[in-house]
Each structure stands twice: as C-alpha cells, then as structure tokens.
N, C-alpha and C. Protein backbone atom coordinates (compact mmCIF):
# COMPACT_ATOMS: atom_id res chain seq x y z
N MET A 1 110.90 172.77 7.12
CA MET A 1 109.74 173.10 7.93
C MET A 1 109.60 172.08 9.04
N PRO A 2 109.46 172.50 10.29
CA PRO A 2 109.35 171.53 11.39
C PRO A 2 108.05 170.75 11.30
N GLU A 3 108.14 169.50 11.68
CA GLU A 3 106.96 168.64 11.65
C GLU A 3 106.06 168.98 12.82
N THR A 4 104.78 169.05 12.54
CA THR A 4 103.84 169.36 13.61
C THR A 4 103.50 168.10 14.38
N ARG A 5 102.92 168.29 15.54
CA ARG A 5 102.51 167.15 16.36
C ARG A 5 101.47 166.32 15.62
N GLU A 6 100.61 166.96 14.86
CA GLU A 6 99.57 166.26 14.11
C GLU A 6 100.18 165.36 13.03
N ALA A 7 101.28 165.81 12.43
CA ALA A 7 101.92 165.02 11.37
C ALA A 7 102.53 163.74 11.91
N LEU A 8 102.89 163.72 13.19
CA LEU A 8 103.53 162.54 13.78
C LEU A 8 102.53 161.68 14.55
N ARG A 9 101.26 161.88 14.31
CA ARG A 9 100.25 161.11 15.03
C ARG A 9 100.19 159.68 14.51
N SER A 10 100.10 158.74 15.41
CA SER A 10 99.99 157.33 15.04
C SER A 10 98.61 157.04 14.48
N PRO A 11 98.52 156.01 13.65
CA PRO A 11 97.19 155.56 13.23
C PRO A 11 96.43 155.01 14.44
N ARG A 12 95.15 154.81 14.27
CA ARG A 12 94.34 154.28 15.37
C ARG A 12 94.85 152.92 15.79
N ARG A 13 94.62 152.59 17.05
CA ARG A 13 95.10 151.33 17.61
C ARG A 13 93.98 150.30 17.66
N LEU A 14 94.33 149.04 17.46
CA LEU A 14 93.42 147.93 17.72
C LEU A 14 93.47 147.67 19.22
N LYS A 15 92.32 147.54 19.85
CA LYS A 15 92.31 147.34 21.30
C LYS A 15 91.50 146.12 21.72
N LYS A 16 90.57 145.70 20.89
CA LYS A 16 89.71 144.58 21.27
C LYS A 16 90.28 143.26 20.77
N ARG A 17 90.16 142.25 21.60
CA ARG A 17 90.65 140.92 21.25
C ARG A 17 90.03 140.42 19.94
N ALA A 18 88.75 140.70 19.73
CA ALA A 18 88.07 140.26 18.51
C ALA A 18 88.72 140.85 17.26
N ASP A 19 89.19 142.09 17.34
CA ASP A 19 89.88 142.71 16.20
C ASP A 19 91.21 142.03 15.93
N PHE A 20 91.94 141.68 16.99
CA PHE A 20 93.22 140.99 16.84
C PHE A 20 92.99 139.61 16.20
N LEU A 21 91.98 138.90 16.69
CA LEU A 21 91.69 137.57 16.16
C LEU A 21 91.22 137.64 14.71
N ALA A 22 90.45 138.66 14.36
CA ALA A 22 89.99 138.81 12.98
C ALA A 22 91.17 139.04 12.05
N THR A 23 92.16 139.78 12.49
CA THR A 23 93.32 140.07 11.66
C THR A 23 94.14 138.82 11.36
N ARG A 24 94.04 137.82 12.21
CA ARG A 24 94.77 136.56 11.97
C ARG A 24 94.33 135.86 10.69
N ARG A 25 93.10 136.15 10.22
CA ARG A 25 92.60 135.55 8.98
C ARG A 25 93.26 136.15 7.74
N GLY A 26 93.91 137.28 7.90
CA GLY A 26 94.48 138.00 6.76
C GLY A 26 95.83 137.45 6.33
N GLU A 27 96.49 138.24 5.52
CA GLU A 27 97.81 137.88 4.97
C GLU A 27 98.88 138.00 6.05
N LYS A 28 99.86 137.08 5.99
CA LYS A 28 100.98 137.10 6.95
C LYS A 28 102.26 137.46 6.20
N ARG A 29 102.99 138.41 6.75
CA ARG A 29 104.25 138.84 6.16
C ARG A 29 105.34 138.62 7.21
N ARG A 30 106.17 137.63 6.98
CA ARG A 30 107.19 137.24 7.96
C ARG A 30 108.50 137.96 7.69
N GLY A 31 109.16 138.31 8.78
CA GLY A 31 110.46 138.94 8.68
C GLY A 31 111.34 138.49 9.83
N ARG A 32 112.58 138.92 9.80
CA ARG A 32 113.55 138.56 10.83
C ARG A 32 113.20 139.20 12.17
N LEU A 33 112.66 140.41 12.13
CA LEU A 33 112.40 141.16 13.36
C LEU A 33 110.98 141.00 13.88
N PHE A 34 110.04 140.71 13.00
CA PHE A 34 108.64 140.63 13.41
C PHE A 34 107.81 139.94 12.34
N LEU A 35 106.59 139.64 12.70
CA LEU A 35 105.57 139.12 11.79
C LEU A 35 104.48 140.17 11.71
N ILE A 36 104.00 140.44 10.51
CA ILE A 36 102.89 141.37 10.35
C ILE A 36 101.72 140.61 9.76
N GLU A 37 100.56 140.73 10.40
CA GLU A 37 99.32 140.16 9.89
C GLU A 37 98.48 141.33 9.38
N VAL A 38 98.00 141.21 8.14
CA VAL A 38 97.28 142.31 7.50
C VAL A 38 95.91 141.82 7.07
N LEU A 39 94.88 142.56 7.43
CA LEU A 39 93.51 142.23 7.03
C LEU A 39 92.90 143.45 6.35
N ASP A 40 92.40 143.25 5.13
CA ASP A 40 91.67 144.30 4.42
C ASP A 40 90.23 144.26 4.92
N ARG A 41 89.80 145.31 5.61
CA ARG A 41 88.46 145.35 6.18
C ARG A 41 87.39 145.56 5.13
N GLY A 42 87.75 146.07 3.96
CA GLY A 42 86.78 146.29 2.90
C GLY A 42 86.06 147.62 3.02
N ASP A 43 86.58 148.54 3.81
CA ASP A 43 85.99 149.88 3.89
C ASP A 43 87.08 150.89 3.55
N CYS A 44 86.75 152.16 3.62
CA CYS A 44 87.72 153.21 3.31
C CYS A 44 88.17 153.95 4.57
N GLY A 45 87.97 153.32 5.73
CA GLY A 45 88.34 153.95 7.00
C GLY A 45 89.85 154.04 7.15
N GLU A 46 90.25 154.77 8.17
CA GLU A 46 91.69 154.92 8.39
C GLU A 46 92.29 153.59 8.86
N PRO A 47 93.59 153.39 8.58
CA PRO A 47 94.22 152.13 8.99
C PRO A 47 94.33 152.06 10.51
N ARG A 48 94.35 150.84 11.03
CA ARG A 48 94.51 150.60 12.46
C ARG A 48 95.64 149.59 12.65
N PHE A 49 96.31 149.67 13.78
CA PHE A 49 97.36 148.70 14.06
C PHE A 49 97.33 148.29 15.53
N GLY A 50 97.85 147.09 15.76
CA GLY A 50 97.97 146.57 17.11
C GLY A 50 99.34 145.91 17.26
N LEU A 51 99.81 145.84 18.48
CA LEU A 51 101.11 145.24 18.76
C LEU A 51 100.92 144.04 19.68
N THR A 52 101.68 142.99 19.41
CA THR A 52 101.70 141.82 20.26
C THR A 52 103.14 141.43 20.51
N VAL A 53 103.48 141.25 21.77
CA VAL A 53 104.80 140.74 22.14
C VAL A 53 104.55 139.66 23.18
N THR A 54 104.88 138.42 22.84
CA THR A 54 104.55 137.30 23.72
C THR A 54 105.53 137.19 24.88
N LYS A 55 105.13 136.46 25.90
CA LYS A 55 105.99 136.24 27.06
C LYS A 55 107.24 135.45 26.70
N LYS A 56 107.18 134.74 25.60
CA LYS A 56 108.33 133.97 25.14
C LYS A 56 109.53 134.87 24.85
N THR A 57 109.30 136.14 24.54
CA THR A 57 110.39 137.04 24.20
C THR A 57 111.16 137.54 25.41
N GLY A 58 110.56 137.49 26.60
CA GLY A 58 111.27 137.94 27.79
C GLY A 58 110.31 138.44 28.86
N ASN A 59 110.90 139.04 29.89
CA ASN A 59 110.08 139.54 30.99
C ASN A 59 109.38 140.85 30.58
N ALA A 60 108.65 141.45 31.49
CA ALA A 60 107.85 142.63 31.18
C ALA A 60 108.70 143.80 30.70
N VAL A 61 109.88 143.97 31.26
CA VAL A 61 110.76 145.07 30.86
C VAL A 61 111.16 144.91 29.40
N VAL A 62 111.56 143.72 29.02
CA VAL A 62 111.97 143.44 27.64
C VAL A 62 110.80 143.62 26.68
N ARG A 63 109.65 143.08 27.05
CA ARG A 63 108.46 143.19 26.18
C ARG A 63 108.05 144.65 25.99
N ASN A 64 108.12 145.44 27.05
CA ASN A 64 107.75 146.85 26.93
C ASN A 64 108.75 147.63 26.09
N ARG A 65 110.03 147.31 26.17
CA ARG A 65 111.03 147.97 25.32
C ARG A 65 110.77 147.66 23.86
N ILE A 66 110.44 146.41 23.55
CA ILE A 66 110.11 146.02 22.17
C ILE A 66 108.87 146.79 21.71
N ARG A 67 107.86 146.82 22.54
CA ARG A 67 106.61 147.52 22.20
C ARG A 67 106.85 149.00 21.96
N ARG A 68 107.65 149.65 22.80
CA ARG A 68 107.93 151.08 22.63
C ARG A 68 108.68 151.36 21.34
N ARG A 69 109.65 150.51 21.01
CA ARG A 69 110.39 150.71 19.75
C ARG A 69 109.48 150.56 18.54
N LEU A 70 108.59 149.56 18.58
CA LEU A 70 107.67 149.37 17.46
C LEU A 70 106.68 150.53 17.33
N LYS A 71 106.14 150.99 18.45
CA LYS A 71 105.19 152.12 18.40
C LYS A 71 105.85 153.35 17.81
N GLU A 72 107.07 153.63 18.21
CA GLU A 72 107.76 154.81 17.69
C GLU A 72 108.09 154.65 16.21
N ALA A 73 108.49 153.47 15.78
CA ALA A 73 108.78 153.24 14.36
C ALA A 73 107.52 153.43 13.51
N VAL A 74 106.38 152.97 14.01
CA VAL A 74 105.13 153.17 13.28
C VAL A 74 104.79 154.65 13.25
N ARG A 75 104.94 155.33 14.36
CA ARG A 75 104.56 156.74 14.45
C ARG A 75 105.38 157.63 13.53
N VAL A 76 106.71 157.46 13.54
CA VAL A 76 107.56 158.38 12.79
C VAL A 76 107.80 157.97 11.35
N HIS A 77 107.52 156.72 11.00
CA HIS A 77 107.93 156.30 9.67
C HIS A 77 106.88 155.51 8.91
N ALA A 78 106.34 154.47 9.49
CA ALA A 78 105.55 153.50 8.74
C ALA A 78 104.07 153.84 8.64
N ALA A 79 103.58 154.79 9.42
CA ALA A 79 102.15 155.11 9.38
C ALA A 79 101.70 155.55 7.99
N GLY A 80 102.55 156.25 7.27
CA GLY A 80 102.21 156.71 5.93
C GLY A 80 102.14 155.59 4.90
N ASP A 81 102.72 154.44 5.20
CA ASP A 81 102.71 153.31 4.27
C ASP A 81 101.48 152.43 4.44
N MET A 82 100.71 152.65 5.50
CA MET A 82 99.55 151.80 5.77
C MET A 82 98.40 152.16 4.81
N ALA A 83 97.76 151.11 4.29
CA ALA A 83 96.66 151.30 3.34
C ALA A 83 95.36 151.58 4.10
N ALA A 84 94.54 152.47 3.53
CA ALA A 84 93.24 152.77 4.14
C ALA A 84 92.38 151.51 4.16
N GLY A 85 91.62 151.36 5.21
CA GLY A 85 90.72 150.21 5.31
C GLY A 85 91.40 148.91 5.67
N SER A 86 92.60 148.99 6.25
CA SER A 86 93.34 147.77 6.62
C SER A 86 93.66 147.78 8.10
N ASP A 87 93.73 146.58 8.66
CA ASP A 87 94.18 146.38 10.03
C ASP A 87 95.53 145.67 10.00
N TYR A 88 96.45 146.09 10.84
CA TYR A 88 97.78 145.50 10.92
C TYR A 88 98.04 145.07 12.36
N VAL A 89 98.50 143.84 12.53
CA VAL A 89 98.97 143.38 13.84
C VAL A 89 100.44 143.04 13.68
N ILE A 90 101.27 143.68 14.49
CA ILE A 90 102.72 143.46 14.44
C ILE A 90 103.10 142.62 15.65
N VAL A 91 103.67 141.46 15.38
CA VAL A 91 104.10 140.54 16.44
C VAL A 91 105.61 140.69 16.55
N GLY A 92 106.06 141.33 17.63
CA GLY A 92 107.47 141.64 17.80
C GLY A 92 108.29 140.45 18.28
N ARG A 93 109.55 140.44 17.86
CA ARG A 93 110.51 139.43 18.30
C ARG A 93 111.64 140.11 19.05
N ARG A 94 112.36 139.33 19.81
CA ARG A 94 113.44 139.86 20.65
C ARG A 94 114.55 140.54 19.83
N GLU A 95 114.75 140.13 18.59
CA GLU A 95 115.80 140.69 17.74
C GLU A 95 115.62 142.20 17.50
N ILE A 96 114.43 142.71 17.76
CA ILE A 96 114.17 144.15 17.58
C ILE A 96 115.09 144.98 18.48
N LEU A 97 115.40 144.46 19.66
CA LEU A 97 116.22 145.21 20.60
C LEU A 97 117.65 145.41 20.10
N ALA A 98 118.16 144.46 19.34
CA ALA A 98 119.54 144.55 18.85
C ALA A 98 119.65 145.29 17.52
N ALA A 99 118.54 145.46 16.83
CA ALA A 99 118.56 146.10 15.50
C ALA A 99 118.67 147.61 15.64
N PRO A 100 119.47 148.26 14.77
CA PRO A 100 119.49 149.72 14.76
C PRO A 100 118.11 150.26 14.41
N PHE A 101 117.75 151.41 14.98
CA PHE A 101 116.40 151.94 14.78
C PHE A 101 116.12 152.23 13.31
N ASP A 102 117.11 152.71 12.56
CA ASP A 102 116.91 152.98 11.13
C ASP A 102 116.59 151.70 10.37
N ALA A 103 117.25 150.60 10.73
CA ALA A 103 116.97 149.31 10.08
C ALA A 103 115.57 148.83 10.45
N LEU A 104 115.17 149.05 11.70
CA LEU A 104 113.82 148.68 12.14
C LEU A 104 112.77 149.45 11.36
N LYS A 105 112.97 150.77 11.23
CA LYS A 105 112.01 151.60 10.49
C LYS A 105 111.89 151.15 9.04
N ALA A 106 113.04 150.90 8.40
CA ALA A 106 113.02 150.51 6.99
C ALA A 106 112.34 149.15 6.80
N GLU A 107 112.66 148.20 7.66
CA GLU A 107 112.06 146.86 7.56
C GLU A 107 110.56 146.92 7.80
N LEU A 108 110.13 147.69 8.79
CA LEU A 108 108.71 147.81 9.09
C LEU A 108 107.96 148.44 7.92
N SER A 109 108.51 149.50 7.38
CA SER A 109 107.89 150.17 6.24
C SER A 109 107.78 149.24 5.04
N ARG A 110 108.84 148.50 4.78
CA ARG A 110 108.87 147.57 3.64
C ARG A 110 107.84 146.46 3.82
N ARG A 111 107.75 145.91 5.01
CA ARG A 111 106.78 144.83 5.28
C ARG A 111 105.35 145.34 5.21
N ILE A 112 105.12 146.54 5.68
CA ILE A 112 103.76 147.09 5.62
C ILE A 112 103.35 147.31 4.17
N ARG A 113 104.26 147.81 3.35
CA ARG A 113 103.95 147.98 1.93
C ARG A 113 103.81 146.65 1.22
N GLY A 114 104.40 145.58 1.79
CA GLY A 114 104.30 144.26 1.20
C GLY A 114 105.31 143.99 0.11
N THR A 115 106.42 144.71 0.11
CA THR A 115 107.44 144.50 -0.91
C THR A 115 108.54 143.60 -0.38
N THR A 116 109.30 143.02 -1.29
CA THR A 116 110.43 142.18 -0.96
C THR A 116 111.69 143.03 -0.91
N PRO A 117 112.82 142.51 -0.41
CA PRO A 117 114.04 143.30 -0.31
C PRO A 117 114.51 143.90 -1.64
N ASP A 118 114.20 143.23 -2.75
CA ASP A 118 114.65 143.76 -4.04
C ASP A 118 113.63 144.72 -4.65
N GLY A 119 112.58 145.10 -3.88
CA GLY A 119 111.63 146.10 -4.32
C GLY A 119 110.43 145.57 -5.08
N LYS A 120 110.25 144.28 -5.16
CA LYS A 120 109.11 143.73 -5.91
C LYS A 120 107.91 143.57 -5.02
C-alpha cells in the first residue's frame, strides 16, 4: 500500500530559542554523526524536534545539506520512534555528509529510542 503524504509528516518543529535552551537541561545522547538532547516535557503532547548545525561544521551550503539530510531522516524513519511529550534537539556533525543515508536513518532511530548498538 503506498504511503500517504500524512504518514510521512514530520513531527512538530522547535522554533523558539527558549525551547532549544530548555532542551539542553535534558539527557544527552552522543554519537559519531550527531548529538541528541532529549527533554521530557511531562505532558502527553506530540513530540517536537529541532536541528542545530554550527558554523564550525562548514559554510552555509554544507550546513544546509546536513540540515536537509537530518530533516528527511526524521521524516521518513525516526519520527515514529519519538516519545510523546518529549523535545529532541539534534546537533549535526560534518560526518553526516559522508555517511550512507540508510546508516544515518538507523543511527538516528537508535539514538532517539535511547538504545545502544547491542540493543540494550
């Protein structure tokens, strides 16, 4: 059955600086490709996510390519792994550009679920 446009909808986005800063108080999950900061808001609302790519990673073209790859990975794969009532901030690294998209999707999904490589 073909996937509908609604099924591929991204979770809500974090847009305000205060929301990004609040998420920094939460749990940090470090990986080779990115860092994920997770904050449990304590409600049952839908999950939200934000993306950060610092100038240290490269010029605007490089940063936008990293951002686009992360947005698409969240949209097609990792959105279903996000817990209700949580905020996620994904801090992208330059290594994302060299990683195969399937590896990026799997790593993002695993980090969002909070599991280790051996499934624990």
